[in-house]
Amino acid sequence: MSKVADPVRTIAYKPHPTEKMKAAIWTGTKSIELGIVAKPTITAPKDAIIHITHCTICGSDLHMYAGDMNNVMEKGLIMGHEAIGIVEEIGSEVKDLKVGDRVIILPVIACGKCFYCKRKEFSLCDETNPSKEMEQMYGHRLSGIFGYSLVTGGYPGNQAEYCRVPNADLVCVKAPKETPAESLLGLADVTPTAWHGNELAEVGEGDVVGVWGCGAVGLSIQRLAKLRGARKVYAVDKDANRLSIAAAYGMIPVNVNEHKDPAAYILSREPNGLDRGIEASGFRSTNSMAHATMRSLGIEGDSSDTVSAVIKATRKGGNVALIGDFFYTTNDFPIGMLMEKAITLRGGQLYAEKYFPFLLDLVTEGKYDPAFIFSHKDKFETIPKSYEDFNNHQIPGGLKVCLVTAFGRAQSAQ
């Protein structure tokens, strides 16, 4: 796959001619550097420049870090799509934000005006991603996303001291200054992604739910499923620490190391099957030799292992949602089981903007706090090591790291 043409990056980013900033830049497989790059400037009237206070690393960032997406990456791309900060500058057509506002930056860059945005399906936006490669891959282009490869627009991310936010009135959420930073940072991506997973699966009162994956997103899906009225939630993973966290929140842990066929185990406890099954681990979750061999030969990009287990464990007429990232193709997909069991399968990137201010209200009203996903806190300048630790499952506490910039530290000291 060839790289996206230069006009994409011209649209996405215009650097400041003299001022510099620190940023996490991709330099190759398992190589993130803290670089000194030009600070962004206003390039369109609806832009805002955000001075970042806190950011974090997403599990999906590891696809790029580990080399799974090298064919759609470019050396020097600024990483990241989860951050909060303070508005430093606004364009002439920004109406809802002012300099000094504290904001959550949502990961999905939407226009707000196209067919899909009018339906509140913001990650399907027609206007913010000019990638012809994505159109060739999928038949359509999806929305732009910060710091997430050339096929999502080549937009510089917000693992940096500053970020230019297009369509800032829509892509930024104004947040109370008294709300703890970790709670707001958890609202940037993880919480709306988890809510989206529940929405896709149509989780409701009295449901029996199974969630494959107990990372930050998986655990959040589980907790929000309970908040939506789920009667039982099975948490499937192979990490004992993460399973213990799930159990502490009232989930039923299923350790894949002990139950090699987790679907069969769940069906032994729930003969009718799950009402709703949610895959929240993605294609990197498999360790099968067959998948590794097919990937090395270029005949498979993703794996259907966990998806097959979710479909098997879900009852006839139930719902399955894919929230873990899948990009390419997979073999042995159980299309017969899916069709014959009359299961509804849905997936897609989060409709981030759709879920606000509802999710922010949940937090500010004390009904839910996403801060639990941050098991470690560190300085932003340590981000290369944080990537390495996250990829190797060595983040203290086992979940996510909250990274604080020098500006964020200064704000906290006031």
Protein backbone atom coordinates (compact mmCIF):
# COMPACT_ATOMS: atom_id res chain seq x y z
CA MET A 1 0.00 0.00 0.00
CA SER A 2 1.44 3.36 -0.98
CA LYS A 3 1.40 6.39 1.26
CA VAL A 4 -1.30 9.01 1.22
CA ALA A 5 -0.48 12.01 -0.94
CA ASP A 6 1.04 15.11 0.61
CA PRO A 7 -2.18 17.21 0.45
CA VAL A 8 -3.58 15.17 3.35
CA ARG A 9 -0.91 16.41 5.70
CA THR A 10 -1.18 19.94 4.35
CA ILE A 11 -4.85 19.92 5.27
CA ALA A 12 -4.19 18.39 8.66
CA TYR A 13 -1.33 20.47 10.01
CA LYS A 14 0.48 23.75 9.48
CA PRO A 15 3.42 24.23 11.86
CA HIS A 16 4.36 27.47 13.56
CA PRO A 17 7.36 28.98 11.76
CA THR A 18 9.43 29.58 14.91
CA GLU A 19 7.89 28.20 18.12
CA LYS A 20 8.67 24.62 19.13
CA MET A 21 7.09 21.96 21.33
CA LYS A 22 7.77 18.45 22.62
CA ALA A 23 5.80 15.62 21.01
CA ALA A 24 5.76 11.82 20.86
CA ILE A 25 6.70 10.96 17.29
CA TRP A 26 6.65 7.60 15.51
CA THR A 27 10.04 6.67 14.11
CA GLY A 28 9.52 3.00 13.27
CA THR A 29 8.55 -0.35 14.75
CA LYS A 30 8.69 -0.17 18.55
CA SER A 31 10.27 3.26 18.34
CA ILE A 32 8.58 6.33 19.80
CA GLU A 33 10.79 9.36 20.39
CA LEU A 34 10.18 12.53 22.35
CA GLY A 35 10.97 14.98 19.57
CA ILE A 36 11.17 18.74 19.32
CA VAL A 37 8.83 19.84 16.54
CA ALA A 38 7.11 23.00 15.36
CA LYS A 39 4.12 24.16 17.38
CA PRO A 40 0.86 24.11 15.35
CA THR A 41 -1.03 27.24 14.37
CA ILE A 42 -4.59 28.14 13.41
CA THR A 43 -5.07 27.12 9.77
CA ALA A 44 -8.88 27.33 9.44
CA PRO A 45 -11.46 29.61 11.08
CA LYS A 46 -13.01 26.76 13.10
CA ASP A 47 -9.66 25.63 14.59
CA ALA A 48 -8.52 25.89 18.18
CA ILE A 49 -5.03 25.43 19.61
CA ILE A 50 -5.13 23.45 22.84
CA HIS A 51 -2.30 23.57 25.39
CA ILE A 52 -2.22 19.95 26.57
CA THR A 53 -2.16 19.23 30.30
CA HIS A 54 -2.73 15.44 30.34
CA CYS A 55 -2.64 12.66 27.76
CA THR A 56 -2.46 8.88 27.65
CA ILE A 57 -1.61 5.92 25.42
CA CYS A 58 -4.44 3.91 23.90
CA GLY A 59 -4.29 0.17 23.32
CA SER A 60 -4.93 0.88 19.66
CA ASP A 61 -1.77 3.03 19.56
CA LEU A 62 0.10 -0.23 20.05
CA HIS A 63 -0.97 -1.39 16.57
CA MET A 64 1.26 1.36 15.19
CA TYR A 65 3.96 0.96 17.82
CA ALA A 66 4.28 -2.80 17.29
CA GLY A 67 4.52 -2.52 13.50
CA ASP A 68 1.07 -3.81 12.54
CA MET A 69 0.40 -0.67 10.46
CA ASN A 70 3.83 0.27 9.13
CA ASN A 71 2.49 0.41 5.57
CA VAL A 72 0.23 3.35 6.47
CA MET A 73 2.61 5.21 8.78
CA GLU A 74 5.12 7.98 8.15
CA LYS A 75 8.20 8.71 10.22
CA GLY A 76 7.60 11.81 12.33
CA LEU A 77 3.83 11.44 12.76
CA ILE A 78 2.77 12.80 16.16
CA MET A 79 0.94 10.07 18.07
CA GLY A 80 -2.10 10.05 20.32
CA HIS A 81 -5.83 10.71 20.44
CA GLU A 82 -6.63 10.95 24.17
CA ALA A 83 -5.91 14.28 25.84
CA ILE A 84 -7.29 17.22 27.78
CA GLY A 85 -6.01 20.77 28.00
CA ILE A 86 -6.63 24.50 28.02
CA VAL A 87 -7.73 26.54 25.01
CA GLU A 88 -4.87 28.87 24.04
CA GLU A 89 -6.14 30.29 20.73
CA ILE A 90 -9.31 30.09 18.65
CA GLY A 91 -10.20 30.73 15.03
CA SER A 92 -12.61 33.45 13.96
CA GLU A 93 -15.57 31.06 13.58
CA VAL A 94 -15.24 29.25 16.91
CA LYS A 95 -18.38 30.21 18.85
CA ASP A 96 -18.66 27.94 21.89
CA LEU A 97 -15.12 28.03 23.24
CA LYS A 98 -12.99 30.86 24.57
CA VAL A 99 -9.35 31.20 25.52
CA GLY A 100 -8.78 29.70 28.98
CA ASP A 101 -11.53 27.05 28.76
CA ARG A 102 -10.65 23.56 29.94
CA VAL A 103 -11.56 20.98 27.30
CA ILE A 104 -11.62 17.28 26.51
CA ILE A 105 -10.36 16.59 22.98
CA LEU A 106 -12.43 13.84 21.36
CA PRO A 107 -10.55 11.41 19.09
CA VAL A 108 -12.97 11.56 16.15
CA ILE A 109 -12.59 14.58 13.85
CA ALA A 110 -16.06 15.21 12.39
CA CYS A 111 -17.48 17.98 10.23
CA GLY A 112 -20.96 18.11 11.80
CA LYS A 113 -22.67 18.75 8.45
CA CYS A 114 -22.43 15.68 6.20
CA PHE A 115 -25.04 12.91 5.83
CA TYR A 116 -23.47 10.81 8.57
CA CYS A 117 -22.78 13.61 11.03
CA LYS A 118 -26.43 14.70 10.74
CA ARG A 119 -27.32 11.12 11.80
CA LYS A 120 -24.85 11.49 14.73
CA GLU A 121 -22.68 8.74 13.23
CA PHE A 122 -19.64 10.94 13.60
CA SER A 123 -16.89 8.36 13.00
CA LEU A 124 -18.39 7.77 9.54
CA CYS A 125 -17.94 11.45 8.57
CA ASP A 126 -17.49 11.99 4.83
CA GLU A 127 -15.52 15.23 4.98
CA THR A 128 -12.56 15.06 7.36
CA ASN A 129 -10.47 12.24 5.90
CA PRO A 130 -9.18 12.65 2.34
CA SER A 131 -7.42 9.25 2.30
CA LYS A 132 -7.92 7.54 -1.06
CA GLU A 133 -6.27 4.41 0.40
CA MET A 134 -9.07 3.95 2.91
CA GLU A 135 -11.65 4.41 0.17
CA GLN A 136 -9.95 1.69 -1.87
CA MET A 137 -9.76 -0.63 1.16
CA TYR A 138 -13.33 -0.25 2.40
CA GLY A 139 -15.24 1.34 -0.48
CA HIS A 140 -15.73 4.48 1.61
CA ARG A 141 -13.70 6.87 3.73
CA LEU A 142 -14.30 7.12 7.46
CA SER A 143 -13.64 10.14 9.68
CA GLY A 144 -10.26 11.61 10.48
CA ILE A 145 -8.71 10.60 13.80
CA PHE A 146 -5.88 12.32 15.68
CA GLY A 147 -2.48 10.63 15.51
CA TYR A 148 -3.76 7.45 13.94
CA SER A 149 -1.93 6.77 10.68
CA LEU A 150 -2.20 8.20 7.20
CA VAL A 151 -5.39 6.30 6.35
CA THR A 152 -7.26 8.28 8.98
CA GLY A 153 -6.08 11.58 7.56
CA GLY A 154 -2.52 11.95 8.79
CA TYR A 155 -3.62 14.34 11.55
CA PRO A 156 -0.93 15.01 14.17
CA GLY A 157 -2.00 13.60 17.51
CA ASN A 158 -2.18 15.08 20.98
CA GLN A 159 0.61 13.23 22.75
CA ALA A 160 2.27 16.61 22.58
CA GLU A 161 2.44 19.95 24.37
CA TYR A 162 -0.01 21.51 21.90
CA CYS A 163 -2.62 20.25 19.46
CA ARG A 164 -4.52 21.91 16.63
CA VAL A 165 -8.18 20.83 16.81
CA PRO A 166 -10.27 21.26 13.64
CA ASN A 167 -14.01 21.99 14.04
CA ALA A 168 -13.23 22.74 17.65
CA ASP A 169 -16.80 23.54 18.74
CA LEU A 170 -17.74 19.95 17.88
CA VAL A 171 -14.50 18.07 18.56
CA CYS A 172 -13.81 19.68 21.97
CA VAL A 173 -16.03 19.26 25.03
CA LYS A 174 -15.89 22.09 27.56
CA ALA A 175 -15.27 20.64 31.03
CA PRO A 176 -15.49 21.97 34.59
CA LYS A 177 -12.15 23.03 36.04
CA GLU A 178 -12.96 21.41 39.39
CA THR A 179 -13.38 17.89 37.93
CA PRO A 180 -10.24 15.75 38.49
CA ALA A 181 -7.99 15.46 35.45
CA GLU A 182 -8.00 11.65 35.40
CA SER A 183 -11.80 11.62 35.29
CA LEU A 184 -11.83 13.96 32.30
CA LEU A 185 -9.00 12.14 30.52
CA GLY A 186 -10.99 8.92 30.88
CA LEU A 187 -13.82 10.65 29.02
CA ALA A 188 -11.66 11.47 25.99
CA ASP A 189 -11.87 8.02 24.42
CA VAL A 190 -12.22 5.06 26.78
CA THR A 191 -15.61 5.91 28.27
CA PRO A 192 -17.33 6.91 25.01
CA THR A 193 -15.82 3.84 23.32
CA ALA A 194 -17.17 1.65 26.10
CA TRP A 195 -20.58 3.30 25.93
CA HIS A 196 -20.53 2.80 22.15
CA GLY A 197 -19.86 -0.91 22.67
CA ASN A 198 -22.91 -1.16 24.91
CA GLU A 199 -24.97 0.78 22.40
CA LEU A 200 -23.93 -1.47 19.50
CA ALA A 201 -24.78 -4.56 21.53
CA GLU A 202 -28.01 -2.96 22.79
CA VAL A 203 -27.25 -3.83 26.41
CA GLY A 204 -30.29 -3.27 28.60
CA GLU A 205 -32.11 -4.13 31.79
CA GLY A 206 -31.78 -7.76 32.88
CA ASP A 207 -29.31 -8.80 30.17
CA VAL A 208 -26.59 -11.41 30.58
CA VAL A 209 -23.48 -9.93 28.96
CA GLY A 210 -20.07 -11.30 28.09
CA VAL A 211 -17.07 -9.03 27.43
CA TRP A 212 -13.90 -10.42 25.88
CA GLY A 213 -11.04 -8.26 27.15
CA CYS A 214 -10.36 -6.70 30.55
CA GLY A 215 -8.19 -3.80 29.52
CA ALA A 216 -9.32 -0.25 30.21
CA VAL A 217 -12.01 -0.37 27.52
CA GLY A 218 -13.21 -3.88 28.40
CA LEU A 219 -13.49 -3.08 32.12
CA SER A 220 -15.30 0.15 31.27
CA ILE A 221 -17.75 -1.72 29.04
CA GLN A 222 -18.42 -4.10 31.90
CA ARG A 223 -19.04 -1.36 34.46
CA LEU A 224 -21.24 0.63 32.10
CA ALA A 225 -23.21 -2.53 31.23
CA LYS A 226 -24.00 -2.85 34.94
CA LEU A 227 -24.97 0.82 35.03
CA ARG A 228 -27.35 0.15 32.12
CA GLY A 229 -29.03 -2.63 34.10
CA ALA A 230 -27.24 -5.82 33.03
CA ARG A 231 -28.03 -8.68 35.40
CA LYS A 232 -24.76 -10.58 34.94
CA VAL A 233 -21.51 -9.67 33.21
CA TYR A 234 -18.88 -12.26 32.32
CA ALA A 235 -15.33 -10.87 31.99
CA VAL A 236 -13.07 -12.94 29.72
CA ASP A 237 -9.29 -12.50 29.73
CA LYS A 238 -6.02 -14.31 30.46
CA ASP A 239 -4.51 -11.64 32.72
CA ALA A 240 -5.10 -12.59 36.35
CA ASN A 241 -4.63 -9.04 37.65
CA ARG A 242 -7.17 -7.58 35.24
CA LEU A 243 -9.61 -10.39 36.01
CA SER A 244 -9.28 -9.60 39.72
CA ILE A 245 -10.17 -5.96 38.98
CA ALA A 246 -13.23 -7.13 37.06
CA ALA A 247 -14.25 -9.41 39.94
CA ALA A 248 -13.85 -6.53 42.41
CA TYR A 249 -16.46 -4.61 40.40
CA GLY A 250 -18.91 -7.52 40.52
CA MET A 251 -18.14 -9.26 37.23
CA ILE A 252 -17.85 -13.02 36.74
CA PRO A 253 -14.23 -13.69 35.69
CA VAL A 254 -13.40 -16.27 33.04
CA ASN A 255 -9.68 -17.02 32.85
CA VAL A 256 -8.79 -18.27 29.36
CA ASN A 257 -5.69 -19.95 30.79
CA GLU A 258 -7.99 -22.15 32.87
CA HIS A 259 -10.89 -22.44 30.43
CA LYS A 260 -9.34 -22.98 27.01
CA ASP A 261 -12.80 -22.84 25.43
CA PRO A 262 -14.38 -19.87 27.24
CA ALA A 263 -17.53 -20.08 25.13
CA ALA A 264 -18.14 -23.67 26.21
CA TYR A 265 -17.54 -22.69 29.84
CA ILE A 266 -20.02 -19.81 29.66
CA LEU A 267 -22.62 -22.03 27.99
CA SER A 268 -22.17 -24.57 30.79
CA ARG A 269 -23.27 -21.82 33.19
CA GLU A 270 -25.74 -20.08 30.88
CA PRO A 271 -27.40 -22.76 28.71
CA ASN A 272 -29.36 -20.16 26.73
CA GLY A 273 -26.19 -18.21 26.08
CA LEU A 274 -25.34 -14.55 26.47
CA ASP A 275 -27.91 -11.95 25.51
CA ARG A 276 -25.11 -9.62 24.42
CA GLY A 277 -21.50 -10.50 23.56
CA ILE A 278 -18.86 -7.80 23.14
CA GLU A 279 -15.37 -8.24 21.70
CA ALA A 280 -13.06 -5.66 23.29
CA SER A 281 -9.62 -7.17 22.79
CA GLY A 282 -9.04 -6.93 19.03
CA PHE A 283 -6.87 -8.86 16.61
CA ARG A 284 -3.76 -8.68 18.81
CA SER A 285 -5.38 -10.85 21.47
CA THR A 286 -4.68 -14.21 19.83
CA ASN A 287 -1.56 -16.27 20.38
CA SER A 288 -2.47 -19.11 18.04
CA MET A 289 0.24 -20.60 15.85
CA ALA A 290 -2.17 -20.74 12.92
CA HIS A 291 -2.78 -16.99 13.05
CA ALA A 292 0.92 -16.21 13.43
CA THR A 293 1.72 -18.40 10.43
CA MET A 294 -1.00 -16.88 8.24
CA ARG A 295 0.10 -13.35 9.14
CA SER A 296 3.71 -14.14 8.30
CA LEU A 297 2.59 -15.45 4.91
CA GLY A 298 0.38 -12.41 4.29
CA ILE A 299 -2.84 -14.42 4.05
CA GLU A 300 -4.45 -13.08 7.21
CA GLY A 301 -4.28 -9.69 8.92
CA ASP A 302 -6.76 -10.10 11.74
CA SER A 303 -7.81 -13.18 13.69
CA SER A 304 -11.33 -14.51 14.17
CA ASP A 305 -10.47 -16.46 17.33
CA THR A 306 -12.17 -14.22 19.89
CA VAL A 307 -14.98 -13.23 17.52
CA SER A 308 -15.80 -16.92 17.00
CA ALA A 309 -15.90 -17.47 20.75
CA VAL A 310 -18.21 -14.49 21.28
CA ILE A 311 -20.62 -15.67 18.58
CA LYS A 312 -20.62 -19.22 19.95
CA ALA A 313 -21.39 -18.04 23.49
CA THR A 314 -24.19 -15.68 22.42
CA ARG A 315 -27.76 -16.94 22.42
CA LYS A 316 -29.91 -17.38 19.35
CA GLY A 317 -31.26 -14.00 18.31
CA GLY A 318 -28.72 -12.18 20.48
CA ASN A 319 -26.39 -9.28 19.70
CA VAL A 320 -22.63 -9.18 19.18
CA ALA A 321 -20.57 -5.98 19.08
CA LEU A 322 -16.99 -5.60 17.88
CA ILE A 323 -15.25 -2.76 19.69
CA GLY A 324 -11.67 -4.09 19.56
CA ASP A 325 -9.93 -2.80 16.44
CA PHE A 326 -10.05 -4.98 13.33
CA PHE A 327 -8.55 -3.55 10.16
CA TYR A 328 -7.88 -6.19 7.56
CA THR A 329 -9.18 -9.69 6.70
CA THR A 330 -9.57 -12.88 8.66
CA ASN A 331 -9.97 -16.56 7.86
CA ASP A 332 -12.28 -19.11 9.48
CA PHE A 333 -14.92 -16.50 10.27
CA PRO A 334 -18.00 -18.45 11.47
CA ILE A 335 -20.50 -16.94 9.04
CA GLY A 336 -22.70 -20.02 9.18
CA MET A 337 -23.04 -19.88 12.97
CA LEU A 338 -23.71 -16.15 12.81
CA MET A 339 -26.42 -16.53 10.18
CA GLU A 340 -28.12 -19.67 11.48
CA LYS A 341 -28.31 -18.38 15.07
CA ALA A 342 -29.93 -15.13 13.80
CA ILE A 343 -27.31 -13.05 15.61
CA THR A 344 -27.02 -9.32 14.94
CA LEU A 345 -23.38 -8.29 14.49
CA ARG A 346 -22.32 -4.64 14.65
CA GLY A 347 -19.03 -2.79 14.90
CA GLY A 348 -17.38 0.53 14.22
CA GLN A 349 -15.38 3.34 15.75
CA LEU A 350 -17.09 5.35 18.47
CA TYR A 351 -19.59 8.09 17.68
CA ALA A 352 -17.75 10.19 20.25
CA GLU A 353 -19.56 13.50 19.90
CA LYS A 354 -22.97 11.79 20.13
CA TYR A 355 -22.45 10.78 23.75
CA PHE A 356 -21.79 14.25 25.17
CA PRO A 357 -22.85 16.00 27.34
CA PHE A 358 -24.55 12.82 28.67
CA LEU A 359 -21.31 11.08 29.69
CA LEU A 360 -19.81 14.23 31.17
CA ASP A 361 -22.98 14.63 33.24
CA LEU A 362 -22.63 11.05 34.53
CA VAL A 363 -19.20 11.97 35.88
CA THR A 364 -19.96 15.42 37.26
CA GLU A 365 -23.10 14.07 38.97
CA GLY A 366 -21.06 11.31 40.64
CA LYS A 367 -22.81 8.40 38.90
CA TYR A 368 -19.66 7.07 37.22
CA ASP A 369 -15.95 7.83 37.48
CA PRO A 370 -13.61 6.63 34.71
CA ALA A 371 -10.49 7.60 36.67
CA PHE A 372 -10.09 3.94 37.76
CA ILE A 373 -8.58 3.10 34.35
CA PHE A 374 -5.39 4.99 35.27
CA SER A 375 -3.30 2.69 37.42
CA HIS A 376 -0.16 4.81 37.04
CA LYS A 377 0.78 8.48 36.67
CA ASP A 378 3.98 9.89 35.23
CA LYS A 379 5.55 12.87 33.48
CA PHE A 380 4.80 13.29 29.78
CA GLU A 381 8.51 13.30 29.05
CA THR A 382 8.69 9.58 29.94
CA ILE A 383 6.36 8.61 27.08
CA PRO A 384 8.87 6.51 25.06
CA LYS A 385 9.37 4.27 28.11
CA SER A 386 5.62 4.26 28.78
CA TYR A 387 5.01 2.89 25.27
CA GLU A 388 7.53 0.12 25.88
CA ASP A 389 6.01 -0.73 29.24
CA PHE A 390 2.44 -0.70 27.91
CA ASN A 391 3.36 -2.95 24.99
CA ASN A 392 5.10 -5.38 27.37
CA HIS A 393 2.22 -5.33 29.90
CA GLN A 394 4.46 -3.68 32.50
CA ILE A 395 2.49 -0.52 33.31
CA PRO A 396 2.27 -0.41 37.13
CA GLY A 397 -1.18 -1.62 38.13
CA GLY A 398 -1.73 -3.18 34.72
CA LEU A 399 -4.05 -0.66 33.07
CA LYS A 400 -3.27 2.83 31.68
CA VAL A 401 -0.80 5.59 32.44
CA CYS A 402 -1.84 9.21 32.89
CA LEU A 403 0.91 11.43 31.48
CA VAL A 404 1.17 15.02 32.70
CA THR A 405 2.90 17.71 30.66
CA ALA A 406 5.05 20.44 32.20
CA PHE A 407 2.14 22.84 31.64
CA GLY A 408 -0.21 20.39 33.37
CA ARG A 409 2.13 20.11 36.32
CA ALA A 410 2.31 23.89 36.58
CA GLN A 411 -1.49 24.11 36.47
CA SER A 412 -1.78 21.55 39.28
CA ALA A 413 0.69 23.50 41.40
CA GLN A 414 -1.39 26.69 41.27
